[in-house]
Amino acid sequence: MSIELPRTAVALGIADPVEKARAELKAALAAIEEKANVPRRVDRAVDRASKRARAFAQQKPVAAAAAAAGVALAVGTVVWGFVRLYTR
């Protein structure tokens, strides 16, 4: 049975110091990539939020419709305010 390690982890039991240093460097670079890859992090956050929104809409459809109407009203009010300020 093989345990799958995350890309940012270093396997235990590496005896060779060169191999251990390479594994640590590889894990550090993977961690930096995970942290610095903003589009991937945003994509994951959007996926999580959409899953939560779908679950909320499944559980409470009336509240979800009211929330959608509230968001539409808020966006419409902001756009209307900007247009009104621009046209003055």
PDB file of N, CA and C in Angstrom:
ATOM      1  N   MET A   1       0.845  -1.173   0.000  1.00  0.00           N
ATOM      2  CA  MET A   1       0.000   0.000   0.000  1.00  0.00           C
ATOM      3  C   MET A   1       0.893   1.239   0.000  1.00  0.00           C
ATOM      4  N   SER A   2       0.764   2.063  -1.015  1.00  0.00           N
ATOM      5  CA  SER A   2       1.574   3.262  -1.156  1.00  0.00           C
ATOM      6  C   SER A   2       0.761   4.486  -0.761  1.00  0.00           C
ATOM      7  N   ILE A   3       1.354   5.325   0.062  1.00  0.00           N
ATOM      8  CA  ILE A   3       0.676   6.545   0.499  1.00  0.00           C
ATOM      9  C   ILE A   3       1.096   7.673  -0.444  1.00  0.00           C
ATOM     10  N   GLU A   4       0.110   8.340  -1.011  1.00  0.00           N
ATOM     11  CA  GLU A   4       0.367   9.449  -1.933  1.00  0.00           C
ATOM     12  C   GLU A   4       0.632  10.719  -1.127  1.00  0.00           C
ATOM     13  N   LEU A   5       1.827  11.300  -1.288  1.00  0.00           N
ATOM     14  CA  LEU A   5       2.188  12.519  -0.594  1.00  0.00           C
ATOM     15  C   LEU A   5       1.805  13.731  -1.443  1.00  0.00           C
ATOM     16  N   PRO A   6       1.472  14.839  -0.795  1.00  0.00           N
ATOM     17  CA  PRO A   6       1.256  16.065  -1.564  1.00  0.00           C
ATOM     18  C   PRO A   6       2.560  16.498  -2.237  1.00  0.00           C
ATOM     19  N   ARG A   7       2.423  17.328  -3.266  1.00  0.00           N
ATOM     20  CA  ARG A   7       3.616  17.783  -3.983  1.00  0.00           C
ATOM     21  C   ARG A   7       4.544  18.607  -3.098  1.00  0.00           C
ATOM     22  N   THR A   8       3.998  19.206  -2.053  1.00  0.00           N
ATOM     23  CA  THR A   8       4.796  20.079  -1.198  1.00  0.00           C
ATOM     24  C   THR A   8       5.367  19.359   0.016  1.00  0.00           C
ATOM     25  N   ALA A   9       5.318  18.040   0.050  1.00  0.00           N
ATOM     26  CA  ALA A   9       5.835  17.271   1.183  1.00  0.00           C
ATOM     27  C   ALA A   9       7.122  16.553   0.785  1.00  0.00           C
ATOM     28  N   VAL A  10       7.967  16.323   1.756  1.00  0.00           N
ATOM     29  CA  VAL A  10       9.208  15.588   1.550  1.00  0.00           C
ATOM     30  C   VAL A  10       9.040  14.216   2.203  1.00  0.00           C
ATOM     31  N   ALA A  11       9.353  13.196   1.442  1.00  0.00           N
ATOM     32  CA  ALA A  11       9.217  11.834   1.958  1.00  0.00           C
ATOM     33  C   ALA A  11      10.224  11.582   3.077  1.00  0.00           C
ATOM     34  N   LEU A  12       9.804  10.827   4.082  1.00  0.00           N
ATOM     35  CA  LEU A  12      10.691  10.464   5.181  1.00  0.00           C
ATOM     36  C   LEU A  12      11.536   9.257   4.769  1.00  0.00           C
ATOM     37  N   GLY A  13      12.682   9.112   5.381  1.00  0.00           N
ATOM     38  CA  GLY A  13      13.509   7.930   5.155  1.00  0.00           C
ATOM     39  C   GLY A  13      14.495   8.064   4.015  1.00  0.00           C
ATOM     40  N   ILE A  14      14.701   9.260   3.495  1.00  0.00           N
ATOM     41  CA  ILE A  14      15.710   9.437   2.444  1.00  0.00           C
ATOM     42  C   ILE A  14      17.071   9.535   3.142  1.00  0.00           C
ATOM     43  N   ALA A  15      17.939   8.591   2.851  1.00  0.00           N
ATOM     44  CA  ALA A  15      19.228   8.523   3.538  1.00  0.00           C
ATOM     45  C   ALA A  15      20.293   9.373   2.851  1.00  0.00           C
ATOM     46  N   ASP A  16      20.260   9.425   1.536  1.00  0.00           N
ATOM     47  CA  ASP A  16      21.277  10.161   0.779  1.00  0.00           C
ATOM     48  C   ASP A  16      21.039  11.667   0.939  1.00  0.00           C
ATOM     49  N   PRO A  17      22.056  12.412   1.416  1.00  0.00           N
ATOM     50  CA  PRO A  17      21.856  13.851   1.629  1.00  0.00           C
ATOM     51  C   PRO A  17      21.560  14.615   0.335  1.00  0.00           C
ATOM     52  N   VAL A  18      22.128  14.165  -0.783  1.00  0.00           N
ATOM     53  CA  VAL A  18      21.878  14.833  -2.050  1.00  0.00           C
ATOM     54  C   VAL A  18      20.424  14.619  -2.479  1.00  0.00           C
ATOM     55  N   GLU A  19      19.953  13.402  -2.364  1.00  0.00           N
ATOM     56  CA  GLU A  19      18.565  13.111  -2.715  1.00  0.00           C
ATOM     57  C   GLU A  19      17.596  13.859  -1.788  1.00  0.00           C
ATOM     58  N   LYS A  20      17.962  13.939  -0.494  1.00  0.00           N
ATOM     59  CA  LYS A  20      17.114  14.662   0.449  1.00  0.00           C
ATOM     60  C   LYS A  20      17.058  16.146   0.097  1.00  0.00           C
ATOM     61  N   ALA A  21      18.205  16.728  -0.256  1.00  0.00           N
ATOM     62  CA  ALA A  21      18.243  18.141  -0.644  1.00  0.00           C
ATOM     63  C   ALA A  21      17.416  18.377  -1.904  1.00  0.00           C
ATOM     64  N   ARG A  22      17.512  17.457  -2.862  1.00  0.00           N
ATOM     65  CA  ARG A  22      16.711  17.587  -4.087  1.00  0.00           C
ATOM     66  C   ARG A  22      15.222  17.503  -3.776  1.00  0.00           C
ATOM     67  N   ALA A  23      14.847  16.584  -2.919  1.00  0.00           N
ATOM     68  CA  ALA A  23      13.434  16.430  -2.555  1.00  0.00           C
ATOM     69  C   ALA A  23      12.924  17.679  -1.833  1.00  0.00           C
ATOM     70  N   GLU A  24      13.759  18.237  -0.943  1.00  0.00           N
ATOM     71  CA  GLU A  24      13.363  19.454  -0.234  1.00  0.00           C
ATOM     72  C   GLU A  24      13.231  20.633  -1.190  1.00  0.00           C
ATOM     73  N   LEU A  25      14.164  20.750  -2.132  1.00  0.00           N
ATOM     74  CA  LEU A  25      14.099  21.823  -3.118  1.00  0.00           C
ATOM     75  C   LEU A  25      12.856  21.681  -3.992  1.00  0.00           C
ATOM     76  N   LYS A  26      12.577  20.465  -4.414  1.00  0.00           N
ATOM     77  CA  LYS A  26      11.399  20.216  -5.242  1.00  0.00           C
ATOM     78  C   LYS A  26      10.125  20.578  -4.469  1.00  0.00           C
ATOM     79  N   ALA A  27      10.052  20.207  -3.204  1.00  0.00           N
ATOM     80  CA  ALA A  27       8.881  20.525  -2.386  1.00  0.00           C
ATOM     81  C   ALA A  27       8.762  22.027  -2.164  1.00  0.00           C
ATOM     82  N   ALA A  28       9.889  22.697  -1.944  1.00  0.00           N
ATOM     83  CA  ALA A  28       9.859  24.151  -1.740  1.00  0.00           C
ATOM     84  C   ALA A  28       9.390  24.867  -3.004  1.00  0.00           C
ATOM     85  N   LEU A  29       9.892  24.441  -4.151  1.00  0.00           N
ATOM     86  CA  LEU A  29       9.466  25.054  -5.414  1.00  0.00           C
ATOM     87  C   LEU A  29       7.983  24.805  -5.683  1.00  0.00           C
ATOM     88  N   ALA A  30       7.501  23.625  -5.349  1.00  0.00           N
ATOM     89  CA  ALA A  30       6.078  23.326  -5.523  1.00  0.00           C
ATOM     90  C   ALA A  30       5.229  24.198  -4.602  1.00  0.00           C
ATOM     91  N   ALA A  31       5.700  24.416  -3.366  1.00  0.00           N
ATOM     92  CA  ALA A  31       4.969  25.263  -2.428  1.00  0.00           C
ATOM     93  C   ALA A  31       4.937  26.708  -2.911  1.00  0.00           C
ATOM     94  N   ILE A  32       6.055  27.183  -3.451  1.00  0.00           N
ATOM     95  CA  ILE A  32       6.095  28.548  -3.990  1.00  0.00           C
ATOM     96  C   ILE A  32       5.142  28.677  -5.172  1.00  0.00           C
ATOM     97  N   GLU A  33       5.123  27.670  -6.030  1.00  0.00           N
ATOM     98  CA  GLU A  33       4.215  27.708  -7.180  1.00  0.00           C
ATOM     99  C   GLU A  33       2.759  27.726  -6.728  1.00  0.00           C
ATOM    100  N   GLU A  34       2.433  26.917  -5.715  1.00  0.00           N
ATOM    101  CA  GLU A  34       1.068  26.895  -5.194  1.00  0.00           C
ATOM    102  C   GLU A  34       0.678  28.268  -4.653  1.00  0.00           C
ATOM    103  N   LYS A  35       1.585  28.889  -3.936  1.00  0.00           N
ATOM    104  CA  LYS A  35       1.296  30.177  -3.309  1.00  0.00           C
ATOM    105  C   LYS A  35       1.235  31.308  -4.324  1.00  0.00           C
ATOM    106  N   ALA A  36       2.071  31.263  -5.347  1.00  0.00           N
ATOM    107  CA  ALA A  36       2.183  32.369  -6.297  1.00  0.00           C
ATOM    108  C   ALA A  36       1.234  32.245  -7.478  1.00  0.00           C
ATOM    109  N   ASN A  37       0.636  31.096  -7.698  1.00  0.00           N
ATOM    110  CA  ASN A  37      -0.235  30.901  -8.846  1.00  0.00           C
ATOM    111  C   ASN A  37      -1.633  31.441  -8.512  1.00  0.00           C
ATOM    112  N   VAL A  38      -1.782  32.758  -8.656  1.00  0.00           N
ATOM    113  CA  VAL A  38      -3.024  33.424  -8.282  1.00  0.00           C
ATOM    114  C   VAL A  38      -4.210  32.968  -9.139  1.00  0.00           C
ATOM    115  N   PRO A  39      -4.068  32.830 -10.457  1.00  0.00           N
ATOM    116  CA  PRO A  39      -5.241  32.381 -11.229  1.00  0.00           C
ATOM    117  C   PRO A  39      -5.779  31.018 -10.780  1.00  0.00           C
ATOM    118  N   ARG A  40      -4.896  30.106 -10.446  1.00  0.00           N
ATOM    119  CA  ARG A  40      -5.346  28.790  -9.980  1.00  0.00           C
ATOM    120  C   ARG A  40      -6.053  28.911  -8.635  1.00  0.00           C
ATOM    121  N   ARG A  41      -5.510  29.756  -7.739  1.00  0.00           N
ATOM    122  CA  ARG A  41      -6.129  29.940  -6.432  1.00  0.00           C
ATOM    123  C   ARG A  41      -7.496  30.598  -6.567  1.00  0.00           C
ATOM    124  N   VAL A  42      -7.622  31.569  -7.476  1.00  0.00           N
ATOM    125  CA  VAL A  42      -8.912  32.217  -7.704  1.00  0.00           C
ATOM    126  C   VAL A  42      -9.897  31.212  -8.283  1.00  0.00           C
ATOM    127  N   ASP A  43      -9.437  30.393  -9.214  1.00  0.00           N
ATOM    128  CA  ASP A  43     -10.300  29.384  -9.825  1.00  0.00           C
ATOM    129  C   ASP A  43     -10.824  28.411  -8.772  1.00  0.00           C
ATOM    130  N   ARG A  44      -9.960  27.987  -7.870  1.00  0.00           N
ATOM    131  CA  ARG A  44     -10.391  27.078  -6.798  1.00  0.00           C
ATOM    132  C   ARG A  44     -11.393  27.755  -5.864  1.00  0.00           C
ATOM    133  N   ALA A  45     -11.151  29.030  -5.540  1.00  0.00           N
ATOM    134  CA  ALA A  45     -12.065  29.762  -4.666  1.00  0.00           C
ATOM    135  C   ALA A  45     -13.431  29.928  -5.324  1.00  0.00           C
ATOM    136  N   VAL A  46     -13.437  30.210  -6.627  1.00  0.00           N
ATOM    137  CA  VAL A  46     -14.703  30.349  -7.347  1.00  0.00           C
ATOM    138  C   VAL A  46     -15.442  29.017  -7.371  1.00  0.00           C
ATOM    139  N   ASP A  47     -14.714  27.933  -7.578  1.00  0.00           N
ATOM    140  CA  ASP A  47     -15.344  26.606  -7.569  1.00  0.00           C
ATOM    141  C   ASP A  47     -15.979  26.301  -6.211  1.00  0.00           C
ATOM    142  N   ARG A  48     -15.244  26.605  -5.130  1.00  0.00           N
ATOM    143  CA  ARG A  48     -15.790  26.370  -3.789  1.00  0.00           C
ATOM    144  C   ARG A  48     -17.033  27.226  -3.542  1.00  0.00           C
ATOM    145  N   ALA A  49     -16.973  28.494  -3.943  1.00  0.00           N
ATOM    146  CA  ALA A  49     -18.112  29.387  -3.722  1.00  0.00           C
ATOM    147  C   ALA A  49     -19.321  28.954  -4.540  1.00  0.00           C
ATOM    148  N   SER A  50     -19.101  28.511  -5.766  1.00  0.00           N
ATOM    149  CA  SER A  50     -20.238  28.083  -6.585  1.00  0.00           C
ATOM    150  C   SER A  50     -20.862  26.799  -6.034  1.00  0.00           C
ATOM    151  N   LYS A  51     -20.032  25.896  -5.503  1.00  0.00           N
ATOM    152  CA  LYS A  51     -20.580  24.688  -4.881  1.00  0.00           C
ATOM    153  C   LYS A  51     -21.430  25.037  -3.661  1.00  0.00           C
ATOM    154  N   ARG A  52     -20.935  25.982  -2.844  1.00  0.00           N
ATOM    155  CA  ARG A  52     -21.697  26.404  -1.671  1.00  0.00           C
ATOM    156  C   ARG A  52     -23.001  27.091  -2.082  1.00  0.00           C
ATOM    157  N   ALA A  53     -22.938  27.909  -3.137  1.00  0.00           N
ATOM    158  CA  ALA A  53     -24.142  28.603  -3.600  1.00  0.00           C
ATOM    159  C   ALA A  53     -25.169  27.605  -4.137  1.00  0.00           C
ATOM    160  N   ARG A  54     -24.711  26.599  -4.886  1.00  0.00           N
ATOM    161  CA  ARG A  54     -25.636  25.581  -5.389  1.00  0.00           C
ATOM    162  C   ARG A  54     -26.271  24.793  -4.244  1.00  0.00           C
ATOM    163  N   ALA A  55     -25.465  24.449  -3.251  1.00  0.00           N
ATOM    164  CA  ALA A  55     -26.001  23.711  -2.099  1.00  0.00           C
ATOM    165  C   ALA A  55     -27.020  24.567  -1.343  1.00  0.00           C
ATOM    166  N   PHE A  56     -26.728  25.845  -1.188  1.00  0.00           N
ATOM    167  CA  PHE A  56     -27.652  26.763  -0.518  1.00  0.00           C
ATOM    168  C   PHE A  56     -28.950  26.876  -1.314  1.00  0.00           C
ATOM    169  N   ALA A  57     -28.834  26.977  -2.649  1.00  0.00           N
ATOM    170  CA  ALA A  57     -30.027  27.080  -3.488  1.00  0.00           C
ATOM    171  C   ALA A  57     -30.851  25.792  -3.439  1.00  0.00           C
ATOM    172  N   GLN A  58     -30.199  24.655  -3.295  1.00  0.00           N
ATOM    173  CA  GLN A  58     -30.927  23.380  -3.193  1.00  0.00           C
ATOM    174  C   GLN A  58     -31.672  23.291  -1.861  1.00  0.00           C
ATOM    175  N   GLN A  59     -31.026  23.763  -0.793  1.00  0.00           N
ATOM    176  CA  GLN A  59     -31.612  23.641   0.544  1.00  0.00           C
ATOM    177  C   GLN A  59     -32.685  24.694   0.794  1.00  0.00           C
ATOM    178  N   LYS A  60     -32.421  25.926   0.355  1.00  0.00           N
ATOM    179  CA  LYS A  60     -33.328  27.046   0.628  1.00  0.00           C
ATOM    180  C   LYS A  60     -33.556  27.847  -0.655  1.00  0.00           C
ATOM    181  N   PRO A  61     -34.426  27.367  -1.544  1.00  0.00           N
ATOM    182  CA  PRO A  61     -34.602  28.049  -2.829  1.00  0.00           C
ATOM    183  C   PRO A  61     -35.205  29.445  -2.706  1.00  0.00           C
ATOM    184  N   VAL A  62     -36.091  29.661  -1.747  1.00  0.00           N
ATOM    185  CA  VAL A  62     -36.701  30.987  -1.594  1.00  0.00           C
ATOM    186  C   VAL A  62     -35.656  31.994  -1.119  1.00  0.00           C
ATOM    187  N   ALA A  63     -34.856  31.607  -0.162  1.00  0.00           N
ATOM    188  CA  ALA A  63     -33.812  32.500   0.336  1.00  0.00           C
ATOM    189  C   ALA A  63     -32.767  32.766  -0.742  1.00  0.00           C
ATOM    190  N   ALA A  64     -32.459  31.758  -1.557  1.00  0.00           N
ATOM    191  CA  ALA A  64     -31.497  31.956  -2.642  1.00  0.00           C
ATOM    192  C   ALA A  64     -32.052  32.923  -3.681  1.00  0.00           C
ATOM    193  N   ALA A  65     -33.328  32.825  -3.995  1.00  0.00           N
ATOM    194  CA  ALA A  65     -33.939  33.757  -4.947  1.00  0.00           C
ATOM    195  C   ALA A  65     -33.948  35.171  -4.378  1.00  0.00           C
ATOM    196  N   ALA A  66     -34.234  35.295  -3.087  1.00  0.00           N
ATOM    197  CA  ALA A  66     -34.215  36.613  -2.453  1.00  0.00           C
ATOM    198  C   ALA A  66     -32.801  37.196  -2.448  1.00  0.00           C
ATOM    199  N   ALA A  67     -31.805  36.355  -2.199  1.00  0.00           N
ATOM    200  CA  ALA A  67     -30.415  36.826  -2.214  1.00  0.00           C
ATOM    201  C   ALA A  67     -30.011  37.268  -3.614  1.00  0.00           C
ATOM    202  N   ALA A  68     -30.424  36.513  -4.634  1.00  0.00           N
ATOM    203  CA  ALA A  68     -30.109  36.888  -6.015  1.00  0.00           C
ATOM    204  C   ALA A  68     -30.772  38.207  -6.381  1.00  0.00           C
ATOM    205  N   ALA A  69     -32.013  38.385  -5.950  1.00  0.00           N
ATOM    206  CA  ALA A  69     -32.711  39.646  -6.224  1.00  0.00           C
ATOM    207  C   ALA A  69     -32.026  40.805  -5.504  1.00  0.00           C
ATOM    208  N   GLY A  70     -31.583  40.572  -4.276  1.00  0.00           N
ATOM    209  CA  GLY A  70     -30.879  41.612  -3.523  1.00  0.00           C
ATOM    210  C   GLY A  70     -29.568  42.004  -4.175  1.00  0.00           C
ATOM    211  N   VAL A  71     -28.833  41.015  -4.660  1.00  0.00           N
ATOM    212  CA  VAL A  71     -27.565  41.305  -5.334  1.00  0.00           C
ATOM    213  C   VAL A  71     -27.826  42.068  -6.626  1.00  0.00           C
ATOM    214  N   ALA A  72     -28.849  41.665  -7.382  1.00  0.00           N
ATOM    215  CA  ALA A  72     -29.187  42.366  -8.622  1.00  0.00           C
ATOM    216  C   ALA A  72     -29.593  43.806  -8.326  1.00  0.00           C
ATOM    217  N   LEU A  73     -30.360  44.016  -7.265  1.00  0.00           N
ATOM    218  CA  LEU A  73     -30.766  45.362  -6.877  1.00  0.00           C
ATOM    219  C   LEU A  73     -29.554  46.210  -6.488  1.00  0.00           C
ATOM    220  N   ALA A  74     -28.631  45.625  -5.730  1.00  0.00           N
ATOM    221  CA  ALA A  74     -27.431  46.362  -5.311  1.00  0.00           C
ATOM    222  C   ALA A  74     -26.567  46.728  -6.512  1.00  0.00           C
ATOM    223  N   VAL A  75     -26.363  45.797  -7.424  1.00  0.00           N
ATOM    224  CA  VAL A  75     -25.550  46.080  -8.615  1.00  0.00           C
ATOM    225  C   VAL A  75     -26.231  47.142  -9.470  1.00  0.00           C
ATOM    226  N   GLY A  76     -27.543  47.013  -9.640  1.00  0.00           N
ATOM    227  CA  GLY A  76     -28.276  48.013 -10.421  1.00  0.00           C
ATOM    228  C   GLY A  76     -28.188  49.391  -9.803  1.00  0.00           C
ATOM    229  N   THR A  77     -28.280  49.476  -8.489  1.00  0.00           N
ATOM    230  CA  THR A  77     -28.182  50.763  -7.804  1.00  0.00           C
ATOM    231  C   THR A  77     -26.796  51.378  -7.973  1.00  0.00           C
ATOM    232  N   VAL A  78     -25.763  50.572  -7.874  1.00  0.00           N
ATOM    233  CA  VAL A  78     -24.396  51.077  -8.046  1.00  0.00           C
ATOM    234  C   VAL A  78     -24.196  51.575  -9.472  1.00  0.00           C
ATOM    235  N   VAL A  79     -24.639  50.814 -10.455  1.00  0.00           N
ATOM    236  CA  VAL A  79     -24.497  51.234 -11.852  1.00  0.00           C
ATOM    237  C   VAL A  79     -25.290  52.511 -12.096  1.00  0.00           C
ATOM    238  N   TRP A  80     -26.506  52.564 -11.583  1.00  0.00           N
ATOM    239  CA  TRP A  80     -27.323  53.761 -11.743  1.00  0.00           C
ATOM    240  C   TRP A  80     -26.629  54.974 -11.118  1.00  0.00           C
ATOM    241  N   GLY A  81     -26.046  54.786  -9.943  1.00  0.00           N
ATOM    242  CA  GLY A  81     -25.339  55.893  -9.281  1.00  0.00           C
ATOM    243  C   GLY A  81     -24.144  56.370 -10.078  1.00  0.00           C
ATOM    244  N   PHE A  82     -23.366  55.443 -10.628  1.00  0.00           N
ATOM    245  CA  PHE A  82     -22.212  55.834 -11.448  1.00  0.00           C
ATOM    246  C   PHE A  82     -22.661  56.574 -12.704  1.00  0.00           C
ATOM    247  N   VAL A  83     -23.695  56.094 -13.338  1.00  0.00           N
ATOM    248  CA  VAL A  83     -24.191  56.750 -14.555  1.00  0.00           C
ATOM    249  C   VAL A  83     -24.715  58.130 -14.213  1.00  0.00           C
ATOM    250  N   ARG A  84     -25.405  58.240 -13.132  1.00  0.00           N
ATOM    251  CA  ARG A  84     -25.929  59.548 -12.735  1.00  0.00           C
ATOM    252  C   ARG A  84     -24.808  60.525 -12.422  1.00  0.00           C
ATOM    253  N   LEU A  85     -23.768  60.062 -11.734  1.00  0.00           N
ATOM    254  CA  LEU A  85     -22.627  60.939 -11.467  1.00  0.00           C
ATOM    255  C   LEU A  85     -21.892  61.331 -12.753  1.00  0.00           C
ATOM    256  N   TYR A  86     -21.799  60.402 -13.682  1.00  0.00           N
ATOM    257  CA  TYR A  86     -21.086  60.647 -14.942  1.00  0.00           C
ATOM    258  C   TYR A  86     -21.836  61.640 -15.821  1.00  0.00           C
ATOM    259  N   THR A  87     -23.158  61.553 -15.823  1.00  0.00           N
ATOM    260  CA  THR A  87     -23.934  62.415 -16.710  1.00  0.00           C
ATOM    261  C   THR A  87     -24.152  63.801 -16.154  1.00  0.00           C
ATOM    262  N   ARG A  88     -23.790  64.080 -14.950  1.00  0.00           N
ATOM    263  CA  ARG A  88     -23.964  65.426 -14.380  1.00  0.00           C
ATOM    264  C   ARG A  88     -22.882  66.354 -14.795  1.00  0.00           C
TER     265      ARG A  88
END
